[in-house]
Each structure stands twice: as C-alpha cells, then as structure tokens.
Amino acid sequence: MVMSSSSKDVRENPAKLPFARPVRWILLTGNRLVVAAGLLLFILCVVTVLNWWINGIRVGTPLLYLFGGFIGGNLTLITVVLTINQLVLSRQLRSPGELRTQIQQIKEYRAEIEERTDAGIAPAMPAAFLAFLLQSTRQQAQALEEMTANPDSQRLQTDIEDLTAPITEQIDQILDRIDDPELGIFEVLLPLLMTNYAEAIYDARQIRQTYQEALSNETATTINGLIEDLEQIDVARQYFKTVYIQQELAILSRFILYVGIPAELTTVAMLLLFLQPANAAVALQLPSFLIVAAIAVGFAPLSLLVTFVLRIATVAYRTAAITPFTTPGQES
C-alpha cells in the first residue's frame, strides 16, 4: 500500500494537522489554570449571549432550580474528586517491608543502567536521569552504525541505518528539551509521550534474526544492548507517568477545594437571596450581568476538573501500551 505524500507528511509531522498546536496546548502543554480560565470564559460568553437573546434573565423558579443544582452538583463533584484522590494516594501508604521491596527494585533498576552505561552514578533528578539513559542509548545506536559502516551486505547497512537514524534523531530532540536538570516531572514526561520504541525493537530483532549468520558477536551484542536500552527508556517513562499522575491528582484536589468552596458560597448566597421574601424586590433589581457571573462561577469547579482530566487522560492514552507492544494511537 502506497501512502500519499500529504498523508505521509502528516504522519511524520503531526504539527501539520489542522489546529494541531491549539489542540496540543489544550490537551497537554497549556497551564491547567489558564486552560480552565479559558473554558470558564467561554461558558461566560455563551451564557451572556443567551441572556442577550432572551432579553435578560429574570428571577424566578428556573433560577432556583439552577442554583440548587449547582450546590448539589458541586458538592458531589468535590466529594468524588477527593475520594478518587485519596484512593490513589493510599497506594503510597505501605508497610516497611513493602517500602524496602520497592526501594530495592528501584536500586536494582538504577544499578542495571549504571552497569550498562559504565558512566558513573545515575543522577537522582528526573531530567538528569533521563538524559543519562538517553545518552547511553544514543551511544549504542552510533556504535551499531559504525560497526556496519563497511559490511559485506549493503542491505544490512541500509537496514541498520534505517533503525538507528530515527532513534538518534529523536533522542537529540528530547535531549534539547530536557537540558535543564531542574525540570518538573511533567516537563520530563512530555517528550517521552512520543517515544514508544516497540517498532524499533521489532526492527532490531528482525535484523538480528535475518542476518544472524552475517553478524559478528560484537555486533549481535550491541543490537541486544540497544534493545535493552530502549526497553529501559520505556520503564522510565511508565514510572514517570505514575509519579506525574499522583502529583497531578494531588494538585487537582487542592485546586478543587480552592475553587469549589467559593463557588458553593456564591451559589448558596444567590439561592438564599432569591428565597427570602423580604429580598424579593432587591433580587428583581439585580443586574443581569451579576446573575450571569454567578452562573459562570457555578461552573468553575467543573471547568477545573475537565482541564485536569483531559491532560491525565491524554497522558494515559499516549502511554497505554508497554514495550514491546504498541497501539495505533501511540504511533500516530
């Protein structure tokens, strides 16, 4: 099947898709508070247009139902978010034996990488650790390419170059983006969302099997080392994802409380104002823009939840498959 040049360009460079950059900003790269504010502003505009279209919102039973729904809905939303967050964070509460097991597994992982790279002690910060691992993988890919620079089989050399060139190019791009060792966990995870090396591992295994008689022991060992390094990158990616989601849920819970309590107080105040017969005249004289603003405030917790969940869901979708498997969504 021959792919058209335009569709091939889009596949190789997703930024060429229409609206790719705005969608990526909304789903991933944008500050969550800014995205939530933008969504809330959109809701405010929609309610304002509706208010203009119906010639002003009038105080009455519909508004009582609306603000009453906000009170119950936001209370439920806050409770559910905090419950889910507590369930996730409860995984961090472990016995000393479980903690020792986890620490030992992490130490073994670091020791394996340090032994393979033979470049000293692996850094503790996520960005520096990832750079340490990527540089080792890049060295393996370059060493493999140099070993087949003058092979007897031109086809083998071409297959090796097709394998190593995309790997080194992508690693260089990632290294440029994580040059600051103080980067947060999400900034380190973000470039790894496009680094599922399942196809590269498959190609490397195909080369090893197809040319097993023509490969020297050193070349075969280097191919095995490259495969192991690519697998280690995926282990790091999955671990960073776990840490990121735990941090993101904790931040979401905190902001939901910050926004949810004022939103509840605002809707309760509006509801009490409309329910008091003594305040009926005052309520009827309220400017419609204040009612519109109060409605928008009622949507604030939901806007915040939507923006955080969008990014968490996108990260989970982009990292669903674990090497050596992949999905069409991760390869697009």
C-alpha atoms as a PDB file:
ATOM      1  CA  MET A   1       0.000   0.000   0.000  1.00  0.00           C
ATOM      2  CA  VAL A   2       1.499   3.332  -1.100  1.00  0.00           C
ATOM      3  CA  MET A   3       0.873   6.298   1.190  1.00  0.00           C
ATOM      4  CA  SER A   4       0.262   9.647  -0.443  1.00  0.00           C
ATOM      5  CA  SER A   5       2.896  12.311   0.183  1.00  0.00           C
ATOM      6  CA  SER A   6       0.472  14.569   2.057  1.00  0.00           C
ATOM      7  CA  SER A   7      -0.733  11.822   4.412  1.00  0.00           C
ATOM      8  CA  LYS A   8       2.848  10.691   4.939  1.00  0.00           C
ATOM      9  CA  ASP A   9       3.896  14.224   5.903  1.00  0.00           C
ATOM     10  CA  VAL A  10       1.050  14.447   8.396  1.00  0.00           C
ATOM     11  CA  ARG A  11       2.005  11.096   9.908  1.00  0.00           C
ATOM     12  CA  GLU A  12       5.648  12.078  10.262  1.00  0.00           C
ATOM     13  CA  ASN A  13       4.842  15.583  11.489  1.00  0.00           C
ATOM     14  CA  PRO A  14       1.567  15.763  13.449  1.00  0.00           C
ATOM     15  CA  ALA A  15       2.017  19.543  13.786  1.00  0.00           C
ATOM     16  CA  LYS A  16       0.907  19.822  10.140  1.00  0.00           C
ATOM     17  CA  LEU A  17      -2.583  18.670  11.095  1.00  0.00           C
ATOM     18  CA  PRO A  18      -5.153  21.500  11.191  1.00  0.00           C
ATOM     19  CA  PHE A  19      -5.428  23.013  14.660  1.00  0.00           C
ATOM     20  CA  ALA A  20      -2.742  20.603  15.942  1.00  0.00           C
ATOM     21  CA  ARG A  21      -0.938  23.219  18.019  1.00  0.00           C
ATOM     22  CA  PRO A  22      -4.055  24.623  19.757  1.00  0.00           C
ATOM     23  CA  VAL A  23      -5.344  21.123  20.457  1.00  0.00           C
ATOM     24  CA  ARG A  24      -1.958  20.054  21.836  1.00  0.00           C
ATOM     25  CA  TRP A  25      -1.883  23.172  24.024  1.00  0.00           C
ATOM     26  CA  ILE A  26      -5.363  22.454  25.392  1.00  0.00           C
ATOM     27  CA  LEU A  27      -4.729  18.757  25.974  1.00  0.00           C
ATOM     28  CA  LEU A  28      -1.114  18.778  27.179  1.00  0.00           C
ATOM     29  CA  THR A  29       1.184  21.741  27.206  1.00  0.00           C
ATOM     30  CA  GLY A  30      -1.073  24.546  28.403  1.00  0.00           C
ATOM     31  CA  ASN A  31      -1.102  25.626  32.039  1.00  0.00           C
ATOM     32  CA  ARG A  32      -4.145  23.914  33.562  1.00  0.00           C
ATOM     33  CA  LEU A  33      -5.322  27.032  35.362  1.00  0.00           C
ATOM     34  CA  VAL A  34      -5.100  29.091  32.169  1.00  0.00           C
ATOM     35  CA  VAL A  35      -6.980  26.436  30.184  1.00  0.00           C
ATOM     36  CA  ALA A  36      -9.649  26.249  32.906  1.00  0.00           C
ATOM     37  CA  ALA A  37      -9.954  30.045  32.860  1.00  0.00           C
ATOM     38  CA  GLY A  38     -10.361  29.952  29.079  1.00  0.00           C
ATOM     39  CA  LEU A  39     -13.098  27.334  29.346  1.00  0.00           C
ATOM     40  CA  LEU A  40     -14.842  29.368  32.034  1.00  0.00           C
ATOM     41  CA  LEU A  41     -14.602  32.470  29.851  1.00  0.00           C
ATOM     42  CA  PHE A  42     -16.204  30.524  27.004  1.00  0.00           C
ATOM     43  CA  ILE A  43     -19.055  29.470  29.300  1.00  0.00           C
ATOM     44  CA  LEU A  44     -19.471  33.079  30.418  1.00  0.00           C
ATOM     45  CA  CYS A  45     -19.698  34.216  26.807  1.00  0.00           C
ATOM     46  CA  VAL A  46     -22.287  31.547  25.986  1.00  0.00           C
ATOM     47  CA  VAL A  47     -24.437  32.486  28.989  1.00  0.00           C
ATOM     48  CA  THR A  48     -24.073  36.186  28.103  1.00  0.00           C
ATOM     49  CA  VAL A  49     -25.272  35.541  24.556  1.00  0.00           C
ATOM     50  CA  LEU A  50     -28.225  33.545  25.867  1.00  0.00           C
ATOM     51  CA  ASN A  51     -29.018  36.329  28.302  1.00  0.00           C
ATOM     52  CA  TRP A  52     -28.995  38.866  25.465  1.00  0.00           C
ATOM     53  CA  TRP A  53     -31.067  36.569  23.234  1.00  0.00           C
ATOM     54  CA  ILE A  54     -33.865  36.168  25.825  1.00  0.00           C
ATOM     55  CA  ASN A  55     -33.752  39.876  26.738  1.00  0.00           C
ATOM     56  CA  GLY A  56     -32.381  39.398  30.236  1.00  0.00           C
ATOM     57  CA  ILE A  57     -32.524  36.628  32.809  1.00  0.00           C
ATOM     58  CA  ARG A  58     -35.498  37.026  35.108  1.00  0.00           C
ATOM     59  CA  VAL A  59     -35.518  35.975  38.725  1.00  0.00           C
ATOM     60  CA  GLY A  60     -37.863  33.043  39.228  1.00  0.00           C
ATOM     61  CA  THR A  61     -38.261  29.325  39.767  1.00  0.00           C
ATOM     62  CA  PRO A  62     -35.874  28.296  36.936  1.00  0.00           C
ATOM     63  CA  LEU A  63     -33.015  30.153  38.621  1.00  0.00           C
ATOM     64  CA  LEU A  64     -33.830  28.482  41.923  1.00  0.00           C
ATOM     65  CA  TYR A  65     -33.544  25.092  40.257  1.00  0.00           C
ATOM     66  CA  LEU A  66     -30.309  26.133  38.521  1.00  0.00           C
ATOM     67  CA  PHE A  67     -28.505  27.353  41.636  1.00  0.00           C
ATOM     68  CA  GLY A  68     -29.879  24.467  43.663  1.00  0.00           C
ATOM     69  CA  GLY A  69     -28.416  22.114  41.061  1.00  0.00           C
ATOM     70  CA  PHE A  70     -25.071  23.893  41.279  1.00  0.00           C
ATOM     71  CA  ILE A  71     -24.991  23.378  45.051  1.00  0.00           C
ATOM     72  CA  GLY A  72     -25.709  19.659  44.879  1.00  0.00           C
ATOM     73  CA  GLY A  73     -23.610  19.043  41.781  1.00  0.00           C
ATOM     74  CA  ASN A  74     -20.516  20.825  43.035  1.00  0.00           C
ATOM     75  CA  LEU A  75     -20.737  19.114  46.426  1.00  0.00           C
ATOM     76  CA  THR A  76     -20.883  15.753  44.641  1.00  0.00           C
ATOM     77  CA  LEU A  77     -18.017  16.711  42.312  1.00  0.00           C
ATOM     78  CA  ILE A  78     -15.785  17.826  45.178  1.00  0.00           C
ATOM     79  CA  THR A  79     -16.561  14.681  47.164  1.00  0.00           C
ATOM     80  CA  VAL A  80     -15.917  12.326  44.233  1.00  0.00           C
ATOM     81  CA  VAL A  81     -12.636  14.014  43.249  1.00  0.00           C
ATOM     82  CA  LEU A  82     -11.336  13.942  46.808  1.00  0.00           C
ATOM     83  CA  THR A  83     -12.376  10.288  47.186  1.00  0.00           C
ATOM     84  CA  ILE A  84     -10.593   9.231  43.998  1.00  0.00           C
ATOM     85  CA  ASN A  85      -7.535  11.206  45.034  1.00  0.00           C
ATOM     86  CA  GLN A  86      -7.458   9.516  48.424  1.00  0.00           C
ATOM     87  CA  LEU A  87      -7.717   6.088  46.806  1.00  0.00           C
ATOM     88  CA  VAL A  88      -4.755   6.870  44.558  1.00  0.00           C
ATOM     89  CA  LEU A  89      -2.678   8.399  47.339  1.00  0.00           C
ATOM     90  CA  SER A  90      -3.477   5.479  49.636  1.00  0.00           C
ATOM     91  CA  ARG A  91      -1.159   3.398  47.456  1.00  0.00           C
ATOM     92  CA  GLN A  92       1.715   5.404  48.923  1.00  0.00           C
ATOM     93  CA  LEU A  93       0.872   4.157  52.415  1.00  0.00           C
ATOM     94  CA  ARG A  94       2.898   0.980  52.664  1.00  0.00           C
ATOM     95  CA  SER A  95       4.407  -1.162  55.360  1.00  0.00           C
ATOM     96  CA  PRO A  96       8.171  -1.042  55.976  1.00  0.00           C
ATOM     97  CA  GLY A  97       8.557  -4.364  54.164  1.00  0.00           C
ATOM     98  CA  GLU A  98       6.725  -3.100  51.070  1.00  0.00           C
ATOM     99  CA  LEU A  99       8.776   0.093  51.115  1.00  0.00           C
ATOM    100  CA  ARG A 100      12.031  -1.878  51.316  1.00  0.00           C
ATOM    101  CA  THR A 101      10.910  -4.037  48.381  1.00  0.00           C
ATOM    102  CA  GLN A 102      10.078  -1.008  46.271  1.00  0.00           C
ATOM    103  CA  ILE A 103      13.341   0.735  47.151  1.00  0.00           C
ATOM    104  CA  GLN A 104      15.281  -2.424  46.327  1.00  0.00           C
ATOM    105  CA  GLN A 105      13.588  -2.717  42.925  1.00  0.00           C
ATOM    106  CA  ILE A 106      14.412   0.900  42.107  1.00  0.00           C
ATOM    107  CA  LYS A 107      18.016   0.404  43.230  1.00  0.00           C
ATOM    108  CA  GLU A 108      18.305  -2.673  41.019  1.00  0.00           C
ATOM    109  CA  TYR A 109      16.929  -0.713  38.077  1.00  0.00           C
ATOM    110  CA  ARG A 110      19.428   2.105  38.611  1.00  0.00           C
ATOM    111  CA  ALA A 111      22.288  -0.352  39.142  1.00  0.00           C
ATOM    112  CA  GLU A 112      21.447  -2.135  35.894  1.00  0.00           C
ATOM    113  CA  ILE A 113      21.519   1.134  33.969  1.00  0.00           C
ATOM    114  CA  GLU A 114      24.786   2.216  35.614  1.00  0.00           C
ATOM    115  CA  GLU A 115      26.356  -1.143  34.819  1.00  0.00           C
ATOM    116  CA  ARG A 116      25.271  -0.957  31.195  1.00  0.00           C
ATOM    117  CA  THR A 117      26.379   2.634  30.650  1.00  0.00           C
ATOM    118  CA  ASP A 118      29.581   2.370  32.672  1.00  0.00           C
ATOM    119  CA  ALA A 119      29.392   6.159  33.086  1.00  0.00           C
ATOM    120  CA  GLY A 120      29.321   6.559  36.832  1.00  0.00           C
ATOM    121  CA  ILE A 121      26.402   7.115  39.184  1.00  0.00           C
ATOM    122  CA  ALA A 122      22.998   7.779  37.644  1.00  0.00           C
ATOM    123  CA  PRO A 123      21.585  11.179  38.713  1.00  0.00           C
ATOM    124  CA  ALA A 124      18.609  11.375  41.058  1.00  0.00           C
ATOM    125  CA  MET A 125      16.674  14.214  39.352  1.00  0.00           C
ATOM    126  CA  PRO A 126      14.259  13.020  36.608  1.00  0.00           C
ATOM    127  CA  ALA A 127      15.630  15.228  33.813  1.00  0.00           C
ATOM    128  CA  ALA A 128      19.275  14.390  34.518  1.00  0.00           C
ATOM    129  CA  PHE A 129      18.471  10.690  34.927  1.00  0.00           C
ATOM    130  CA  LEU A 130      16.600  10.572  31.619  1.00  0.00           C
ATOM    131  CA  ALA A 131      19.447  12.395  29.847  1.00  0.00           C
ATOM    132  CA  PHE A 132      21.865   9.862  31.353  1.00  0.00           C
ATOM    133  CA  LEU A 133      19.784   6.989  29.963  1.00  0.00           C
ATOM    134  CA  LEU A 134      19.198   8.573  26.551  1.00  0.00           C
ATOM    135  CA  GLN A 135      22.878   9.330  26.027  1.00  0.00           C
ATOM    136  CA  SER A 136      23.700   5.675  26.686  1.00  0.00           C
ATOM    137  CA  THR A 137      21.082   4.579  24.149  1.00  0.00           C
ATOM    138  CA  ARG A 138      22.427   7.046  21.603  1.00  0.00           C
ATOM    139  CA  GLN A 139      25.938   5.691  22.065  1.00  0.00           C
ATOM    140  CA  GLN A 140      24.672   2.156  21.477  1.00  0.00           C
ATOM    141  CA  ALA A 141      22.914   3.230  18.263  1.00  0.00           C
ATOM    142  CA  GLN A 142      26.027   5.055  16.998  1.00  0.00           C
ATOM    143  CA  ALA A 143      28.264   2.129  17.874  1.00  0.00           C
ATOM    144  CA  LEU A 144      25.985  -0.229  15.960  1.00  0.00           C
ATOM    145  CA  GLU A 145      26.010   2.049  12.930  1.00  0.00           C
ATOM    146  CA  GLU A 146      29.820   2.302  12.993  1.00  0.00           C
ATOM    147  CA  MET A 147      30.189  -1.489  13.188  1.00  0.00           C
ATOM    148  CA  THR A 148      28.304  -1.873   9.908  1.00  0.00           C
ATOM    149  CA  ALA A 149      29.899   1.049   8.096  1.00  0.00           C
ATOM    150  CA  ASN A 150      31.689  -1.291   5.661  1.00  0.00           C
ATOM    151  CA  PRO A 151      29.736  -4.536   5.697  1.00  0.00           C
ATOM    152  CA  ASP A 152      29.730  -7.206   3.046  1.00  0.00           C
ATOM    153  CA  SER A 153      25.963  -6.730   2.691  1.00  0.00           C
ATOM    154  CA  GLN A 154      24.769  -3.321   1.549  1.00  0.00           C
ATOM    155  CA  ARG A 155      21.266  -4.357   2.551  1.00  0.00           C
ATOM    156  CA  LEU A 156      22.381  -4.925   6.142  1.00  0.00           C
ATOM    157  CA  GLN A 157      23.970  -1.480   6.275  1.00  0.00           C
ATOM    158  CA  THR A 158      20.777   0.105   4.935  1.00  0.00           C
ATOM    159  CA  ASP A 159      18.615  -1.736   7.483  1.00  0.00           C
ATOM    160  CA  ILE A 160      20.902  -0.680  10.335  1.00  0.00           C
ATOM    161  CA  GLU A 161      20.822   2.959   9.222  1.00  0.00           C
ATOM    162  CA  ASP A 162      17.027   2.849   8.927  1.00  0.00           C
ATOM    163  CA  LEU A 163      16.934   1.533  12.502  1.00  0.00           C
ATOM    164  CA  THR A 164      19.445   3.862  14.163  1.00  0.00           C
ATOM    165  CA  ALA A 165      18.838   7.172  12.329  1.00  0.00           C
ATOM    166  CA  PRO A 166      15.305   7.808  13.722  1.00  0.00           C
ATOM    167  CA  ILE A 167      16.433   6.759  17.209  1.00  0.00           C
ATOM    168  CA  THR A 168      19.394   9.149  17.354  1.00  0.00           C
ATOM    169  CA  GLU A 169      17.361  11.982  15.801  1.00  0.00           C
ATOM    170  CA  GLN A 170      14.571  11.601  18.325  1.00  0.00           C
ATOM    171  CA  ILE A 171      16.984  11.306  21.253  1.00  0.00           C
ATOM    172  CA  ASP A 172      18.717  14.520  20.171  1.00  0.00           C
ATOM    173  CA  GLN A 173      15.355  16.293  20.113  1.00  0.00           C
ATOM    174  CA  ILE A 174      14.478  15.041  23.592  1.00  0.00           C
ATOM    175  CA  LEU A 175      17.889  15.984  24.998  1.00  0.00           C
ATOM    176  CA  ASP A 176      17.421  19.523  23.697  1.00  0.00           C
ATOM    177  CA  ARG A 177      14.115  19.764  25.576  1.00  0.00           C
ATOM    178  CA  ILE A 178      15.389  18.431  28.916  1.00  0.00           C
ATOM    179  CA  ASP A 179      18.669  20.343  29.107  1.00  0.00           C
ATOM    180  CA  ASP A 180      17.532  21.941  32.380  1.00  0.00           C
ATOM    181  CA  PRO A 181      18.157  19.470  35.256  1.00  0.00           C
ATOM    182  CA  GLU A 182      15.565  21.271  37.415  1.00  0.00           C
ATOM    183  CA  LEU A 183      12.630  20.450  35.135  1.00  0.00           C
ATOM    184  CA  GLY A 184       9.491  19.109  36.771  1.00  0.00           C
ATOM    185  CA  ILE A 185       8.193  15.597  36.284  1.00  0.00           C
ATOM    186  CA  PHE A 186       5.641  16.570  33.618  1.00  0.00           C
ATOM    187  CA  GLU A 187       8.191  18.531  31.559  1.00  0.00           C
ATOM    188  CA  VAL A 188      10.362  15.388  31.575  1.00  0.00           C
ATOM    189  CA  LEU A 189       7.452  13.095  30.738  1.00  0.00           C
ATOM    190  CA  LEU A 190       6.085  15.267  27.914  1.00  0.00           C
ATOM    191  CA  PRO A 191       8.737  14.469  25.239  1.00  0.00           C
ATOM    192  CA  LEU A 192       8.516  10.790  26.197  1.00  0.00           C
ATOM    193  CA  LEU A 193       4.875  10.626  25.118  1.00  0.00           C
ATOM    194  CA  MET A 194       6.111  10.169  21.538  1.00  0.00           C
ATOM    195  CA  THR A 195       8.827   7.612  22.309  1.00  0.00           C
ATOM    196  CA  ASN A 196       7.237   4.204  22.077  1.00  0.00           C
ATOM    197  CA  TYR A 197      10.100   2.162  20.674  1.00  0.00           C
ATOM    198  CA  ALA A 198       8.098  -1.014  20.034  1.00  0.00           C
ATOM    199  CA  GLU A 199       8.619  -0.730  16.267  1.00  0.00           C
ATOM    200  CA  ALA A 200      12.343  -0.039  16.715  1.00  0.00           C
ATOM    201  CA  ILE A 201      12.696  -3.076  18.981  1.00  0.00           C
ATOM    202  CA  TYR A 202      10.819  -5.174  16.433  1.00  0.00           C
ATOM    203  CA  ASP A 203      13.095  -3.966  13.615  1.00  0.00           C
ATOM    204  CA  ALA A 204      16.197  -4.677  15.705  1.00  0.00           C
ATOM    205  CA  ARG A 205      15.026  -8.219  16.422  1.00  0.00           C
ATOM    206  CA  GLN A 206      14.240  -8.701  12.732  1.00  0.00           C
ATOM    207  CA  ILE A 207      17.763  -7.626  11.802  1.00  0.00           C
ATOM    208  CA  ARG A 208      19.249  -9.929  14.424  1.00  0.00           C
ATOM    209  CA  GLN A 209      17.258 -12.876  13.113  1.00  0.00           C
ATOM    210  CA  THR A 210      17.616 -12.157   9.386  1.00  0.00           C
ATOM    211  CA  TYR A 211      21.385 -11.579   9.458  1.00  0.00           C
ATOM    212  CA  GLN A 212      22.309 -13.835  12.366  1.00  0.00           C
ATOM    213  CA  GLU A 213      24.926 -15.674  10.322  1.00  0.00           C
ATOM    214  CA  ALA A 214      26.466 -12.471   8.954  1.00  0.00           C
ATOM    215  CA  LEU A 215      26.603 -10.625  12.266  1.00  0.00           C
ATOM    216  CA  SER A 216      29.723 -10.739  14.387  1.00  0.00           C
ATOM    217  CA  ASN A 217      29.418 -11.488  18.078  1.00  0.00           C
ATOM    218  CA  GLU A 218      30.208  -7.856  18.897  1.00  0.00           C
ATOM    219  CA  THR A 219      27.528  -6.555  16.554  1.00  0.00           C
ATOM    220  CA  ALA A 220      24.942  -9.001  17.909  1.00  0.00           C
ATOM    221  CA  THR A 221      25.819  -7.935  21.448  1.00  0.00           C
ATOM    222  CA  THR A 222      25.422  -4.274  20.506  1.00  0.00           C
ATOM    223  CA  ILE A 223      21.997  -4.961  18.996  1.00  0.00           C
ATOM    224  CA  ASN A 224      20.970  -6.730  22.196  1.00  0.00           C
ATOM    225  CA  GLY A 225      22.259  -3.787  24.215  1.00  0.00           C
ATOM    226  CA  LEU A 226      20.296  -1.328  22.086  1.00  0.00           C
ATOM    227  CA  ILE A 227      17.118  -3.340  22.594  1.00  0.00           C
ATOM    228  CA  GLU A 228      17.667  -3.396  26.352  1.00  0.00           C
ATOM    229  CA  ASP A 229      18.306   0.360  26.451  1.00  0.00           C
ATOM    230  CA  LEU A 230      15.095   1.047  24.529  1.00  0.00           C
ATOM    231  CA  GLU A 231      13.202  -1.126  26.992  1.00  0.00           C
ATOM    232  CA  GLN A 232      14.773   0.770  29.910  1.00  0.00           C
ATOM    233  CA  ILE A 233      13.539   4.057  28.437  1.00  0.00           C
ATOM    234  CA  ASP A 234      10.008   2.710  28.459  1.00  0.00           C
ATOM    235  CA  VAL A 235      10.395   1.595  32.079  1.00  0.00           C
ATOM    236  CA  ALA A 236      11.463   5.137  32.970  1.00  0.00           C
ATOM    237  CA  ARG A 237       8.557   6.575  31.018  1.00  0.00           C
ATOM    238  CA  GLN A 238       5.995   4.393  32.795  1.00  0.00           C
ATOM    239  CA  TYR A 239       7.490   5.227  36.193  1.00  0.00           C
ATOM    240  CA  PHE A 240       7.493   8.959  35.458  1.00  0.00           C
ATOM    241  CA  LYS A 241       3.857   8.636  34.372  1.00  0.00           C
ATOM    242  CA  THR A 242       2.940   7.053  37.709  1.00  0.00           C
ATOM    243  CA  VAL A 243       4.654   9.804  39.666  1.00  0.00           C
ATOM    244  CA  TYR A 244       3.093  12.501  37.466  1.00  0.00           C
ATOM    245  CA  ILE A 245      -0.468  11.198  37.869  1.00  0.00           C
ATOM    246  CA  GLN A 246      -0.085  11.022  41.633  1.00  0.00           C
ATOM    247  CA  GLN A 247       1.189  14.610  41.730  1.00  0.00           C
ATOM    248  CA  GLU A 248      -1.476  15.835  39.296  1.00  0.00           C
ATOM    249  CA  LEU A 249      -4.319  14.320  41.310  1.00  0.00           C
ATOM    250  CA  ALA A 250      -2.967  15.903  44.476  1.00  0.00           C
ATOM    251  CA  ILE A 251      -2.792  19.310  42.751  1.00  0.00           C
ATOM    252  CA  LEU A 252      -6.294  18.828  41.320  1.00  0.00           C
ATOM    253  CA  SER A 253      -7.726  18.060  44.754  1.00  0.00           C
ATOM    254  CA  ARG A 254      -6.136  21.172  46.209  1.00  0.00           C
ATOM    255  CA  PHE A 255      -7.424  23.471  43.450  1.00  0.00           C
ATOM    256  CA  ILE A 256     -10.874  21.880  43.539  1.00  0.00           C
ATOM    257  CA  LEU A 257     -11.077  22.883  47.196  1.00  0.00           C
ATOM    258  CA  TYR A 258      -9.747  26.381  46.467  1.00  0.00           C
ATOM    259  CA  VAL A 259     -12.324  26.951  43.715  1.00  0.00           C
ATOM    260  CA  GLY A 260     -15.159  24.746  44.953  1.00  0.00           C
ATOM    261  CA  ILE A 261     -15.704  26.437  48.305  1.00  0.00           C
ATOM    262  CA  PRO A 262     -16.063  29.998  46.860  1.00  0.00           C
ATOM    263  CA  ALA A 263     -18.303  28.604  44.103  1.00  0.00           C
ATOM    264  CA  GLU A 264     -20.527  26.930  46.690  1.00  0.00           C
ATOM    265  CA  LEU A 265     -20.692  30.083  48.806  1.00  0.00           C
ATOM    266  CA  THR A 266     -21.629  32.155  45.758  1.00  0.00           C
ATOM    267  CA  THR A 267     -24.435  29.841  44.640  1.00  0.00           C
ATOM    268  CA  VAL A 268     -25.753  29.472  48.204  1.00  0.00           C
ATOM    269  CA  ALA A 269     -25.794  33.259  48.603  1.00  0.00           C
ATOM    270  CA  MET A 270     -27.702  33.690  45.350  1.00  0.00           C
ATOM    271  CA  LEU A 271     -30.169  30.965  46.295  1.00  0.00           C
ATOM    272  CA  LEU A 272     -30.821  32.489  49.739  1.00  0.00           C
ATOM    273  CA  LEU A 273     -31.277  35.899  48.172  1.00  0.00           C
ATOM    274  CA  PHE A 274     -33.936  34.598  45.814  1.00  0.00           C
ATOM    275  CA  LEU A 275     -35.707  32.573  48.500  1.00  0.00           C
ATOM    276  CA  GLN A 276     -36.179  35.411  51.034  1.00  0.00           C
ATOM    277  CA  PRO A 277     -39.486  37.231  50.502  1.00  0.00           C
ATOM    278  CA  ALA A 278     -38.043  40.340  52.111  1.00  0.00           C
ATOM    279  CA  ASN A 279     -35.316  40.406  49.432  1.00  0.00           C
ATOM    280  CA  ALA A 280     -37.652  39.841  46.512  1.00  0.00           C
ATOM    281  CA  ALA A 281     -37.532  43.482  45.445  1.00  0.00           C
ATOM    282  CA  VAL A 282     -33.748  43.535  45.687  1.00  0.00           C
ATOM    283  CA  ALA A 283     -33.450  40.303  43.700  1.00  0.00           C
ATOM    284  CA  LEU A 284     -35.679  41.650  40.959  1.00  0.00           C
ATOM    285  CA  GLN A 285     -33.449  44.706  40.652  1.00  0.00           C
ATOM    286  CA  LEU A 286     -30.206  42.719  40.354  1.00  0.00           C
ATOM    287  CA  PRO A 287     -28.344  43.492  37.097  1.00  0.00           C
ATOM    288  CA  SER A 288     -28.473  40.520  34.777  1.00  0.00           C
ATOM    289  CA  PHE A 289     -24.694  40.511  34.404  1.00  0.00           C
ATOM    290  CA  LEU A 290     -24.333  39.670  38.109  1.00  0.00           C
ATOM    291  CA  ILE A 291     -26.608  36.665  37.663  1.00  0.00           C
ATOM    292  CA  VAL A 292     -24.636  35.653  34.561  1.00  0.00           C
ATOM    293  CA  ALA A 293     -21.378  35.946  36.519  1.00  0.00           C
ATOM    294  CA  ALA A 294     -22.812  33.850  39.372  1.00  0.00           C
ATOM    295  CA  ILE A 295     -23.825  31.146  36.869  1.00  0.00           C
ATOM    296  CA  ALA A 296     -20.296  31.134  35.431  1.00  0.00           C
ATOM    297  CA  VAL A 297     -18.830  30.834  38.932  1.00  0.00           C
ATOM    298  CA  GLY A 298     -21.036  27.783  39.466  1.00  0.00           C
ATOM    299  CA  PHE A 299     -19.296  26.137  36.503  1.00  0.00           C
ATOM    300  CA  ALA A 300     -15.783  26.881  37.845  1.00  0.00           C
ATOM    301  CA  PRO A 301     -15.161  23.541  39.644  1.00  0.00           C
ATOM    302  CA  LEU A 302     -16.343  21.600  36.590  1.00  0.00           C
ATOM    303  CA  SER A 303     -14.084  23.643  34.291  1.00  0.00           C
ATOM    304  CA  LEU A 304     -11.113  22.910  36.509  1.00  0.00           C
ATOM    305  CA  LEU A 305     -11.911  19.204  36.638  1.00  0.00           C
ATOM    306  CA  VAL A 306     -12.321  18.969  32.859  1.00  0.00           C
ATOM    307  CA  THR A 307      -8.947  20.561  32.102  1.00  0.00           C
ATOM    308  CA  PHE A 308      -7.014  18.357  34.539  1.00  0.00           C
ATOM    309  CA  VAL A 309      -8.781  15.182  33.464  1.00  0.00           C
ATOM    310  CA  LEU A 310      -8.143  15.992  29.798  1.00  0.00           C
ATOM    311  CA  ARG A 311      -4.384  16.040  30.374  1.00  0.00           C
ATOM    312  CA  ILE A 312      -4.349  12.975  32.633  1.00  0.00           C
ATOM    313  CA  ALA A 313      -6.445  11.043  30.113  1.00  0.00           C
ATOM    314  CA  THR A 314      -4.236  12.144  27.217  1.00  0.00           C
ATOM    315  CA  VAL A 315      -1.080  11.056  29.035  1.00  0.00           C
ATOM    316  CA  ALA A 316      -2.674   7.710  29.911  1.00  0.00           C
ATOM    317  CA  TYR A 317      -3.777   7.222  26.290  1.00  0.00           C
ATOM    318  CA  ARG A 318      -0.332   8.032  24.915  1.00  0.00           C
ATOM    319  CA  THR A 319       1.372   5.605  27.313  1.00  0.00           C
ATOM    320  CA  ALA A 320      -1.211   2.820  27.451  1.00  0.00           C
ATOM    321  CA  ALA A 321       0.925   0.189  25.730  1.00  0.00           C
ATOM    322  CA  ILE A 322       4.133  -1.062  27.306  1.00  0.00           C
ATOM    323  CA  THR A 323       7.111  -2.114  25.194  1.00  0.00           C
ATOM    324  CA  PRO A 324       7.330  -4.374  23.206  1.00  0.00           C
ATOM    325  CA  PHE A 325       3.688  -3.673  22.343  1.00  0.00           C
ATOM    326  CA  THR A 326       2.222  -0.541  20.809  1.00  0.00           C
ATOM    327  CA  THR A 327      -1.115   0.851  19.649  1.00  0.00           C
ATOM    328  CA  PRO A 328      -2.148   2.867  16.574  1.00  0.00           C
ATOM    329  CA  GLY A 329      -2.827   5.854  18.834  1.00  0.00           C
ATOM    330  CA  GLN A 330       0.754   5.862  20.108  1.00  0.00           C
ATOM    331  CA  GLU A 331       2.189   5.570  16.611  1.00  0.00           C
ATOM    332  CA  SER A 332       0.070   8.347  15.063  1.00  0.00           C
END
